[in-house]
Amino acid sequence: MFKRGLCISLLMLVLSLVACNDEQDVASGDEQAKDEEKNEAVEEVKAEAEETILDQLASVTEIESREDMKAQQAGTLVADISLEKELEDPLDKELDPSVVKELEKELEKVIEETQDPEEINKAFVHLLGTPHYNEMIKEAEQFEPDFEEPFLPAPGKSEEEIENEPAKGKAIILLDASSSMLLSVDNEVKMDIAKDAVQRFGETIGQDNDVSLVVYGHKGSESEADKELSCNGIEEIYPMGSYDEEEFTDALSSFESKGYTPLAGAIQKAADMSSDFTEPTTVYIVSDGVETCDGDPVEEADNFVKDSENKSVNIIGFNVDQDAEDQLKQVSDAGEGEYFSADNADELKTTIEQKWLPSRIDLAWAFRKAPDGWETLAEKERFDEDLNPIKTVIDSEDSRYSEALQILNDEQLIDPEVRKEVRELRQERYRKMYDLIAELSSEKKDEIDTRADEIREEVDEWTEEMRKQKEERGDLF
């Protein structure tokens, strides 16, 4: 009985030991599985990290055009660098120590993944490329030559040509229609002479300017009872706008000479009309007498040009006496313009055409209206003000690449042969960008030369046309 119990006990002990061994084997298997899972996860992270680096470098493209330069993304370590900082002397600055520290870490990661010179060169751009090419190159590409457009009044333009051309200035014609303009000169009514001259003047100057016609002295009569009506009767009969022959002619036919001479009020009217103008504005007055409405035309002319560099008052005194001429000269002086005298129909016609429009002397010197060599050079220098900063940024960026290559060399992270190839690739990129900017410079400077040549051609054609027209009219001077 004892032996039987002992055997049973021994059997239980053996079974217990076997069970324990089985449990240990299972635990060991679980541990091994967990370790394998951890290793797989680490490998996956490494694989993902490797793909991220390669993907980032793959986004860096070769520079083959200005579009490639404009498409360059900001380097991850210099994304916030200001343009002012970029434009500092590249030879007189180094990367911030904190940036250098981050750069060293990033370069080590890159070198762990690749020793390919092209990939290393791409890494430089990915980490240190400037964010400013896009804005700077676009600004340079938008440059347009800005020569002063010559005033070339050219009668005979078609209505379509006139409508499609922007006005270069504003011309306000003030025409005296006081009762004195009913007098005759050489058996012809002064008002009729003046209307005819103003008609031709409006046609010519209206080709390159918006034009307005203001008449005064055409209300009431010269009697004392009508003085207030007449002095307040200042009317814009052709509203400021493009010249239209039929409408301008109708406007000149819509009034007769009748009353007083509110010259001061007419100038004030011109001032009110032009208060919001930004274009050059010139008042042209045709008058035969002094102020008779108790105003101060000298003061009004002074007010008209005050605080403005592009306004003036020009006057033709038509068959005036000495007192009127003295006052009108004072008015033109105050208005920073010129005074001209005309005593009859021929003189009024020739004064307008030879003083207010180009004379033969003007035509002889017309070539001066076109840009000369110095003006063309000045435009090219103005473009260089947009272009040169791009070159500075290229230099600044390249100095960072040089510093990155020096770090790789100092830390002995690449072989000398790899370093040499990286440097050559960097230099090739640098030269390519400089070549692209040089091409842009050539394009824009060709545009400047072309525009200057076009203006010269326009001036030559205008000069020849005006000579022909003056010969046809029998003008000898």
Protein backbone atom coordinates (compact mmCIF):
# COMPACT_ATOMS: atom_id res chain seq x y z
CA MET A 1 0.00 0.00 0.00
CA PHE A 2 2.86 2.31 0.91
CA LYS A 3 4.63 1.59 -2.34
CA ARG A 4 1.47 2.27 -4.29
CA GLY A 5 1.07 5.68 -2.60
CA LEU A 6 4.71 6.52 -3.24
CA CYS A 7 4.34 5.72 -6.90
CA ILE A 8 1.32 7.92 -7.18
CA SER A 9 3.17 10.78 -5.46
CA LEU A 10 6.15 10.42 -7.76
CA LEU A 11 3.85 10.38 -10.76
CA MET A 12 2.18 13.62 -9.65
CA LEU A 13 5.57 15.27 -9.14
CA VAL A 14 6.66 14.33 -12.63
CA LEU A 15 3.45 15.62 -14.14
CA SER A 16 3.87 18.87 -12.19
CA LEU A 17 7.42 19.33 -13.45
CA VAL A 18 6.35 18.66 -17.01
CA ALA A 19 3.56 21.20 -16.70
CA CYS A 20 5.98 23.81 -15.38
CA ASN A 21 8.37 23.17 -18.24
CA ASP A 22 5.52 23.53 -20.69
CA GLU A 23 4.51 26.88 -19.15
CA GLN A 24 8.11 28.12 -19.29
CA ASP A 25 8.33 27.11 -22.94
CA VAL A 26 5.11 29.03 -23.74
CA ALA A 27 6.34 32.14 -21.88
CA SER A 28 9.63 32.00 -23.70
CA GLY A 29 7.80 31.78 -27.02
CA ASP A 30 5.68 34.83 -26.18
CA GLU A 31 8.75 36.85 -25.27
CA GLN A 32 10.43 35.93 -28.55
CA ALA A 33 7.34 36.91 -30.53
CA LYS A 34 7.22 40.29 -28.80
CA ASP A 35 10.89 40.90 -29.55
CA GLU A 36 10.31 40.06 -33.17
CA GLU A 37 7.39 42.49 -33.32
CA LYS A 38 9.53 45.24 -31.82
CA ASN A 39 12.27 44.61 -34.35
CA GLU A 40 9.78 44.69 -37.18
CA ALA A 41 8.37 48.01 -35.91
CA VAL A 42 11.85 49.52 -35.70
CA GLU A 43 12.58 48.38 -39.24
CA GLU A 44 9.31 49.89 -40.41
CA VAL A 45 10.16 53.24 -38.76
CA LYS A 46 13.58 53.15 -40.37
CA ALA A 47 12.01 52.39 -43.73
CA GLU A 48 9.53 55.22 -43.31
CA ALA A 49 12.33 57.61 -42.31
CA GLU A 50 14.34 56.55 -45.33
CA GLU A 51 11.38 57.14 -47.64
CA THR A 52 10.73 60.58 -46.12
CA ILE A 53 14.29 61.74 -46.74
CA LEU A 54 14.31 60.42 -50.27
CA ASP A 55 10.93 61.94 -50.97
CA GLN A 56 12.07 65.34 -49.70
CA LEU A 57 15.22 65.28 -51.81
CA ALA A 58 13.27 64.08 -54.82
CA SER A 59 11.19 67.29 -54.67
CA VAL A 60 14.31 69.36 -55.41
CA THR A 61 14.52 69.85 -59.17
CA GLU A 62 17.40 70.80 -61.41
CA ILE A 63 17.60 74.44 -62.49
CA GLU A 64 16.95 74.66 -66.22
CA SER A 65 14.81 77.81 -66.47
CA ARG A 66 13.66 80.86 -64.54
CA GLU A 67 10.45 78.97 -63.83
CA ASP A 68 12.53 76.37 -62.00
CA MET A 69 14.13 79.11 -59.93
CA LYS A 70 10.73 80.64 -59.11
CA ALA A 71 9.40 77.19 -58.14
CA GLN A 72 12.17 76.57 -55.59
CA GLN A 73 10.77 75.92 -52.12
CA ALA A 74 12.23 77.58 -49.05
CA GLY A 75 14.99 75.61 -47.34
CA THR A 76 13.70 74.01 -44.14
CA LEU A 77 16.40 75.68 -42.04
CA VAL A 78 16.10 79.15 -43.60
CA ALA A 79 12.38 79.38 -44.38
CA ASP A 80 12.04 82.53 -42.29
CA ILE A 81 15.12 84.35 -43.57
CA SER A 82 14.20 87.90 -44.60
CA LEU A 83 15.08 89.44 -47.92
CA GLU A 84 16.97 92.18 -46.08
CA LYS A 85 19.13 89.51 -44.47
CA GLU A 86 19.70 87.82 -47.81
CA LEU A 87 20.87 91.10 -49.32
CA GLU A 88 23.61 91.59 -46.80
CA ASP A 89 27.13 91.01 -48.08
CA PRO A 90 27.40 87.21 -48.59
CA LEU A 91 31.15 87.33 -47.89
CA ASP A 92 30.61 89.09 -44.60
CA LYS A 93 28.17 86.76 -42.86
CA GLU A 94 27.89 83.20 -41.58
CA LEU A 95 25.02 80.98 -40.56
CA ASP A 96 23.64 81.45 -37.08
CA PRO A 97 25.20 78.90 -34.63
CA SER A 98 21.78 77.42 -33.88
CA VAL A 99 21.22 76.88 -37.61
CA VAL A 100 24.67 75.34 -37.96
CA LYS A 101 23.85 72.88 -35.17
CA GLU A 102 20.64 71.81 -36.87
CA LEU A 103 22.43 71.68 -40.23
CA GLU A 104 25.04 69.28 -38.84
CA LYS A 105 22.31 66.94 -37.58
CA GLU A 106 20.44 67.00 -40.86
CA LEU A 107 23.59 66.44 -42.91
CA GLU A 108 24.49 63.42 -40.79
CA LYS A 109 21.06 61.95 -41.52
CA VAL A 110 21.53 62.53 -45.21
CA ILE A 111 24.99 60.99 -45.26
CA GLU A 112 23.67 57.93 -43.43
CA GLU A 113 21.27 57.39 -46.30
CA THR A 114 23.33 58.36 -49.34
CA GLN A 115 26.79 59.24 -50.59
CA ASP A 116 25.49 60.23 -54.01
CA PRO A 117 26.87 63.71 -54.86
CA GLU A 118 23.66 64.70 -56.66
CA GLU A 119 21.54 63.73 -53.64
CA ILE A 120 23.86 65.63 -51.30
CA ASN A 121 23.64 68.68 -53.54
CA LYS A 122 19.85 68.41 -53.48
CA ALA A 123 20.02 68.18 -49.68
CA PHE A 124 21.81 71.52 -49.58
CA VAL A 125 18.96 73.13 -51.55
CA HIS A 126 16.32 71.36 -49.45
CA LEU A 127 17.89 72.64 -46.24
CA LEU A 128 19.34 76.02 -47.23
CA GLY A 129 17.63 77.22 -50.45
CA THR A 130 16.37 80.81 -50.46
CA PRO A 131 12.61 81.47 -50.37
CA HIS A 132 12.86 84.73 -52.36
CA TYR A 133 13.49 83.85 -56.02
CA ASN A 134 9.81 83.79 -56.96
CA GLU A 135 8.95 87.31 -55.82
CA MET A 136 12.19 88.87 -57.03
CA ILE A 137 12.23 87.32 -60.49
CA LYS A 138 8.55 88.11 -61.04
CA GLU A 139 9.20 91.75 -60.18
CA ALA A 140 12.10 91.90 -62.63
CA GLU A 141 10.03 90.22 -65.35
CA GLN A 142 7.28 92.80 -64.92
CA PHE A 143 9.67 95.70 -65.56
CA GLU A 144 8.63 97.89 -68.49
CA PRO A 145 10.53 100.79 -70.07
CA ASP A 146 9.21 104.09 -68.74
CA PHE A 147 10.43 106.78 -71.08
CA GLU A 148 8.64 110.10 -70.96
CA GLU A 149 6.15 109.95 -73.78
CA PRO A 150 6.71 112.90 -76.16
CA PHE A 151 3.82 115.24 -76.84
CA LEU A 152 3.21 114.75 -80.54
CA PRO A 153 -0.03 116.47 -81.55
CA ALA A 154 -0.92 114.95 -84.86
CA PRO A 155 -4.00 116.19 -86.74
CA GLY A 156 -5.55 113.65 -89.01
CA LYS A 157 -5.72 110.67 -86.67
CA SER A 158 -8.74 108.48 -87.21
CA GLU A 159 -11.57 108.52 -84.71
CA GLU A 160 -10.78 104.90 -83.80
CA GLU A 161 -7.14 105.75 -83.14
CA ILE A 162 -8.16 108.65 -80.91
CA GLU A 163 -10.60 106.53 -78.90
CA ASN A 164 -8.02 103.79 -78.33
CA GLU A 165 -5.29 106.11 -77.10
CA PRO A 166 -5.20 107.18 -73.45
CA ALA A 167 -5.07 110.94 -72.89
CA LYS A 168 -1.69 112.22 -71.81
CA GLY A 169 -3.04 115.30 -70.09
CA LYS A 170 -5.93 117.69 -69.62
CA ALA A 171 -6.46 120.87 -71.66
CA ILE A 172 -9.00 123.48 -70.52
CA ILE A 173 -9.71 126.20 -73.12
CA LEU A 174 -11.21 129.39 -71.66
CA LEU A 175 -12.78 131.49 -74.39
CA ASP A 176 -13.72 135.10 -73.73
CA ALA A 177 -17.22 135.83 -75.13
CA SER A 178 -17.70 139.27 -73.63
CA SER A 179 -19.32 142.02 -75.67
CA SER A 180 -15.97 143.41 -76.80
CA MET A 181 -15.49 140.28 -78.90
CA LEU A 182 -18.29 141.63 -81.14
CA LEU A 183 -15.89 144.25 -82.46
CA SER A 184 -14.25 143.72 -85.83
CA VAL A 185 -10.64 143.30 -86.86
CA ASP A 186 -9.89 143.70 -90.55
CA ASN A 187 -13.61 143.58 -91.32
CA GLU A 188 -14.06 140.28 -89.49
CA VAL A 189 -15.78 139.82 -86.12
CA LYS A 190 -13.25 138.96 -83.41
CA MET A 191 -15.50 136.24 -81.99
CA ASP A 192 -15.68 134.48 -85.36
CA ILE A 193 -11.90 134.65 -85.70
CA ALA A 194 -11.44 133.28 -82.21
CA LYS A 195 -13.91 130.44 -82.73
CA ASP A 196 -12.18 129.39 -85.94
CA ALA A 197 -8.75 129.41 -84.28
CA VAL A 198 -10.01 127.56 -81.19
CA GLN A 199 -11.68 124.96 -83.45
CA ARG A 200 -8.36 124.09 -85.08
CA PHE A 201 -6.54 124.22 -81.76
CA GLY A 202 -9.07 121.92 -80.08
CA GLU A 203 -8.77 119.44 -82.93
CA THR A 204 -5.00 119.30 -82.71
CA ILE A 205 -4.43 119.32 -78.98
CA GLY A 206 -7.37 116.98 -78.51
CA GLN A 207 -5.51 114.17 -80.26
CA ASP A 208 -3.31 113.56 -77.23
CA ASN A 209 -5.27 115.18 -74.42
CA ASP A 210 -8.71 115.20 -72.92
CA VAL A 211 -10.09 118.63 -73.74
CA SER A 212 -12.71 120.96 -72.24
CA LEU A 213 -14.12 124.22 -73.56
CA VAL A 214 -15.32 126.84 -71.08
CA VAL A 215 -16.93 130.05 -72.27
CA TYR A 216 -17.54 133.21 -70.23
CA GLY A 217 -19.21 136.56 -70.86
CA HIS A 218 -21.93 135.02 -73.04
CA LYS A 219 -24.83 135.60 -70.65
CA GLY A 220 -26.96 138.70 -70.13
CA SER A 221 -25.66 141.88 -71.70
CA GLU A 222 -23.18 144.68 -71.05
CA SER A 223 -25.81 146.69 -69.14
CA GLU A 224 -25.38 147.25 -65.40
CA ALA A 225 -28.69 145.46 -64.77
CA ASP A 226 -27.29 142.26 -66.28
CA LYS A 227 -23.87 142.44 -64.62
CA GLU A 228 -24.55 139.79 -61.98
CA LEU A 229 -26.03 137.41 -64.54
CA SER A 230 -23.18 137.98 -66.94
CA CYS A 231 -20.42 137.71 -64.33
CA ASN A 232 -21.85 134.43 -63.04
CA GLY A 233 -22.40 133.12 -66.55
CA ILE A 234 -19.37 130.84 -66.80
CA GLU A 235 -20.20 127.60 -68.56
CA GLU A 236 -18.38 124.45 -69.60
CA ILE A 237 -19.96 123.91 -72.99
CA TYR A 238 -17.73 121.00 -74.04
CA PRO A 239 -17.27 118.65 -71.06
CA MET A 240 -13.81 117.31 -70.33
CA GLY A 241 -13.22 114.25 -72.47
CA SER A 242 -11.91 112.96 -75.76
CA TYR A 243 -12.14 115.34 -78.71
CA ASP A 244 -15.14 114.87 -80.96
CA GLU A 245 -15.15 117.18 -83.99
CA GLU A 246 -18.92 117.41 -84.45
CA GLU A 247 -19.69 117.97 -80.77
CA PHE A 248 -16.86 120.50 -80.39
CA THR A 249 -18.12 122.43 -83.42
CA ASP A 250 -21.67 122.40 -82.06
CA ALA A 251 -20.39 123.72 -78.73
CA LEU A 252 -18.65 126.65 -80.46
CA SER A 253 -21.86 127.44 -82.34
CA SER A 254 -24.01 127.45 -79.21
CA PHE A 255 -23.26 130.97 -77.90
CA GLU A 256 -22.68 134.57 -78.89
CA SER A 257 -20.71 137.40 -77.34
CA LYS A 258 -22.84 139.51 -75.00
CA GLY A 259 -21.66 140.69 -71.61
CA TYR A 260 -18.95 141.30 -69.03
CA THR A 261 -15.53 139.64 -68.60
CA PRO A 262 -15.37 137.37 -65.51
CA LEU A 263 -11.78 136.24 -66.19
CA ALA A 264 -11.07 135.54 -62.49
CA GLY A 265 -14.23 133.47 -62.20
CA ALA A 266 -13.33 131.50 -65.33
CA ILE A 267 -9.93 130.60 -63.93
CA GLN A 268 -11.57 129.63 -60.63
CA LYS A 269 -13.96 127.44 -62.64
CA ALA A 270 -10.95 125.70 -64.23
CA ALA A 271 -9.45 125.19 -60.77
CA ASP A 272 -12.65 123.60 -59.47
CA MET A 273 -12.91 121.36 -62.51
CA SER A 274 -9.32 120.13 -62.18
CA SER A 275 -9.12 119.76 -58.41
CA ASP A 276 -9.10 115.96 -58.62
CA PHE A 277 -6.98 115.65 -61.77
CA THR A 278 -3.69 113.78 -61.46
CA GLU A 279 -2.68 114.38 -65.09
CA PRO A 280 -0.81 117.48 -66.26
CA THR A 281 -3.41 120.22 -66.71
CA THR A 282 -2.98 123.32 -68.86
CA VAL A 283 -5.38 126.24 -69.17
CA TYR A 284 -5.37 128.07 -72.52
CA ILE A 285 -7.11 131.47 -72.44
CA VAL A 286 -8.11 133.50 -75.50
CA SER A 287 -9.19 136.95 -74.30
CA ASP A 288 -9.43 140.47 -75.61
CA GLY A 289 -9.77 142.45 -72.41
CA VAL A 290 -9.31 142.95 -68.70
CA GLU A 291 -11.39 141.63 -65.81
CA THR A 292 -14.67 143.57 -65.54
CA CYS A 293 -16.44 141.57 -62.82
CA ASP A 294 -14.42 142.85 -59.84
CA GLY A 295 -12.45 139.62 -59.51
CA ASP A 296 -8.69 139.17 -59.19
CA PRO A 297 -7.51 136.94 -62.07
CA VAL A 298 -3.87 137.18 -60.94
CA GLU A 299 -4.76 135.76 -57.54
CA GLU A 300 -6.89 133.03 -59.11
CA ALA A 301 -4.08 132.05 -61.49
CA ASP A 302 -1.71 131.87 -58.54
CA ASN A 303 -4.18 129.68 -56.64
CA PHE A 304 -4.60 127.45 -59.68
CA VAL A 305 -0.92 126.43 -59.77
CA LYS A 306 -0.30 126.54 -56.03
CA ASP A 307 0.96 123.24 -54.57
CA SER A 308 1.10 121.71 -58.03
CA GLU A 309 3.98 120.98 -60.37
CA ASN A 310 1.90 120.03 -63.40
CA LYS A 311 -0.48 122.96 -63.93
CA SER A 312 -0.06 126.18 -65.90
CA VAL A 313 -2.02 129.06 -67.46
CA ASN A 314 -1.20 130.26 -70.98
CA ILE A 315 -2.86 133.32 -72.51
CA ILE A 316 -3.27 134.87 -75.93
CA GLY A 317 -4.20 138.54 -75.73
CA PHE A 318 -6.25 139.07 -78.88
CA ASN A 319 -6.19 142.64 -80.15
CA VAL A 320 -5.85 144.10 -76.65
CA ASP A 321 -4.84 147.57 -75.43
CA GLN A 322 -1.87 148.18 -73.15
CA ASP A 323 -3.82 147.95 -69.88
CA ALA A 324 -5.32 144.62 -70.86
CA GLU A 325 -1.98 143.29 -72.02
CA ASP A 326 -0.32 144.29 -68.73
CA GLN A 327 -2.98 142.48 -66.71
CA LEU A 328 -2.98 139.38 -68.90
CA LYS A 329 0.80 139.13 -68.67
CA GLN A 330 0.54 139.26 -64.88
CA VAL A 331 -2.05 136.49 -65.00
CA SER A 332 0.13 134.21 -67.14
CA ASP A 333 3.14 134.93 -64.92
CA ALA A 334 1.15 134.03 -61.81
CA GLY A 335 -0.08 130.90 -63.59
CA GLU A 336 3.49 129.86 -64.46
CA GLY A 337 2.63 129.97 -68.14
CA GLU A 338 3.27 132.22 -71.12
CA TYR A 339 1.60 135.27 -72.64
CA PHE A 340 1.32 135.78 -76.39
CA SER A 341 -0.05 138.71 -78.32
CA ALA A 342 -2.11 138.55 -81.52
CA ASP A 343 -3.50 141.68 -83.17
CA ASN A 344 -5.41 140.18 -86.10
CA ALA A 345 -6.77 136.96 -87.56
CA ASP A 346 -3.48 135.84 -89.11
CA GLU A 347 -1.54 136.54 -85.95
CA LEU A 348 -4.06 134.67 -83.81
CA LYS A 349 -3.89 131.70 -86.16
CA THR A 350 -0.11 131.65 -86.35
CA THR A 351 0.28 132.31 -82.62
CA ILE A 352 -1.79 129.26 -81.78
CA GLU A 353 -0.06 127.13 -84.39
CA GLN A 354 3.46 128.39 -83.77
CA LYS A 355 3.32 129.03 -80.03
CA TRP A 356 0.79 126.62 -78.65
CA LEU A 357 1.57 124.08 -81.35
CA PRO A 358 5.02 123.22 -82.75
CA SER A 359 6.93 125.82 -84.72
CA ARG A 360 9.57 125.09 -87.32
CA ILE A 361 12.19 125.58 -84.65
CA ASP A 362 10.37 123.01 -82.54
CA LEU A 363 10.40 120.67 -85.49
CA ALA A 364 14.09 121.24 -86.06
CA TRP A 365 14.73 120.16 -82.49
CA ALA A 366 12.04 117.49 -82.44
CA PHE A 367 14.62 114.70 -82.18
CA ARG A 368 15.11 115.82 -78.58
CA LYS A 369 11.64 114.47 -77.84
CA ALA A 370 13.00 110.95 -78.35
CA PRO A 371 15.13 109.21 -75.70
CA ASP A 372 18.83 109.89 -76.12
CA GLY A 373 21.64 107.53 -75.18
CA TRP A 374 21.80 108.81 -71.62
CA GLU A 375 18.06 108.32 -71.06
CA THR A 376 18.26 104.81 -72.49
CA LEU A 377 21.21 104.04 -70.23
CA ALA A 378 19.28 105.42 -67.25
CA GLU A 379 16.40 103.02 -67.97
CA LYS A 380 18.83 100.10 -68.13
CA GLU A 381 20.32 101.15 -64.82
CA ARG A 382 16.81 101.36 -63.37
CA PHE A 383 16.22 97.76 -64.44
CA ASP A 384 19.52 96.75 -62.86
CA GLU A 385 18.09 97.98 -59.56
CA ASP A 386 15.62 95.08 -59.81
CA LEU A 387 18.11 92.59 -61.22
CA ASN A 388 21.22 93.04 -59.08
CA PRO A 389 19.53 92.00 -55.82
CA ILE A 390 18.72 88.62 -57.40
CA LYS A 391 22.44 88.10 -58.04
CA THR A 392 23.16 89.01 -54.42
CA VAL A 393 20.67 86.40 -53.21
CA ILE A 394 22.25 83.79 -55.48
CA ASP A 395 25.62 84.61 -53.90
CA SER A 396 24.13 84.53 -50.41
CA GLU A 397 22.53 81.14 -51.01
CA ASP A 398 25.73 79.77 -52.51
CA SER A 399 27.72 80.85 -49.46
CA ARG A 400 25.42 78.69 -47.30
CA TYR A 401 26.00 75.72 -49.59
CA SER A 402 29.73 76.30 -49.27
CA GLU A 403 29.43 76.32 -45.49
CA ALA A 404 27.45 73.06 -45.57
CA LEU A 405 30.11 71.42 -47.74
CA GLN A 406 32.78 72.63 -45.33
CA ILE A 407 30.92 70.95 -42.44
CA LEU A 408 30.89 67.64 -44.33
CA ASN A 409 34.59 68.02 -44.96
CA ASP A 410 35.50 69.02 -41.39
CA GLU A 411 33.48 66.16 -39.92
CA GLN A 412 34.97 63.77 -42.48
CA LEU A 413 31.52 62.60 -43.45
CA ILE A 414 32.32 62.25 -47.16
CA ASP A 415 35.27 61.16 -49.19
CA PRO A 416 37.40 63.75 -50.99
CA GLU A 417 36.20 62.52 -54.37
CA VAL A 418 32.56 62.89 -53.34
CA ARG A 419 33.30 66.35 -51.94
CA LYS A 420 34.87 67.36 -55.25
CA GLU A 421 31.82 66.20 -57.22
CA VAL A 422 29.43 67.98 -54.85
CA ARG A 423 31.41 71.22 -55.25
CA GLU A 424 31.33 70.92 -59.04
CA LEU A 425 27.57 70.33 -59.01
CA ARG A 426 27.10 73.33 -56.74
CA GLN A 427 29.20 75.52 -59.04
CA GLU A 428 27.29 74.29 -62.08
CA ARG A 429 23.98 75.24 -60.41
CA TYR A 430 25.41 78.66 -59.52
CA ARG A 431 26.57 79.35 -63.08
CA LYS A 432 23.26 78.20 -64.53
CA MET A 433 21.29 80.61 -62.36
CA TYR A 434 23.61 83.47 -63.25
CA ASP A 435 23.17 82.62 -66.94
CA LEU A 436 19.38 82.67 -66.56
CA ILE A 437 19.48 86.08 -64.90
CA ALA A 438 21.83 87.32 -67.63
CA GLU A 439 19.27 86.16 -70.22
CA LEU A 440 16.57 88.11 -68.41
CA SER A 441 18.83 91.15 -68.41
CA SER A 442 19.37 90.86 -72.16
CA GLU A 443 15.64 90.47 -72.81
CA LYS A 444 14.69 93.54 -70.80
CA LYS A 445 17.48 95.71 -72.15
CA ASP A 446 16.45 94.71 -75.67
CA GLU A 447 12.93 95.85 -74.75
CA ILE A 448 14.35 99.18 -73.57
CA ASP A 449 16.27 99.65 -76.82
CA THR A 450 13.25 98.63 -78.86
CA ARG A 451 10.94 101.09 -77.08
CA ALA A 452 13.49 103.90 -77.47
CA ASP A 453 13.75 103.11 -81.20
CA GLU A 454 9.95 103.07 -81.50
CA ILE A 455 9.71 106.52 -79.92
CA ARG A 456 12.42 107.84 -82.22
CA GLU A 457 10.52 106.47 -85.20
CA GLU A 458 7.28 108.03 -83.93
CA VAL A 459 9.04 111.39 -83.54
CA ASP A 460 10.56 111.16 -87.02
CA GLU A 461 7.20 110.34 -88.59
CA TRP A 462 5.47 113.10 -86.64
CA THR A 463 8.14 115.64 -87.58
CA GLU A 464 7.80 114.83 -91.26
CA GLU A 465 4.00 114.97 -91.11
CA MET A 466 4.02 118.32 -89.31
CA ARG A 467 6.46 119.77 -91.84
CA LYS A 468 4.15 118.74 -94.66
CA GLN A 469 1.11 120.22 -92.97
CA LYS A 470 2.84 123.51 -92.22
CA GLU A 471 3.98 123.73 -95.85
CA GLU A 472 0.44 123.06 -97.02
CA ARG A 473 -0.79 125.92 -94.81
CA GLY A 474 1.93 128.16 -96.23
CA ASP A 475 3.76 128.59 -92.91
CA LEU A 476 7.32 129.64 -93.57
CA PHE A 477 8.52 130.06 -89.99
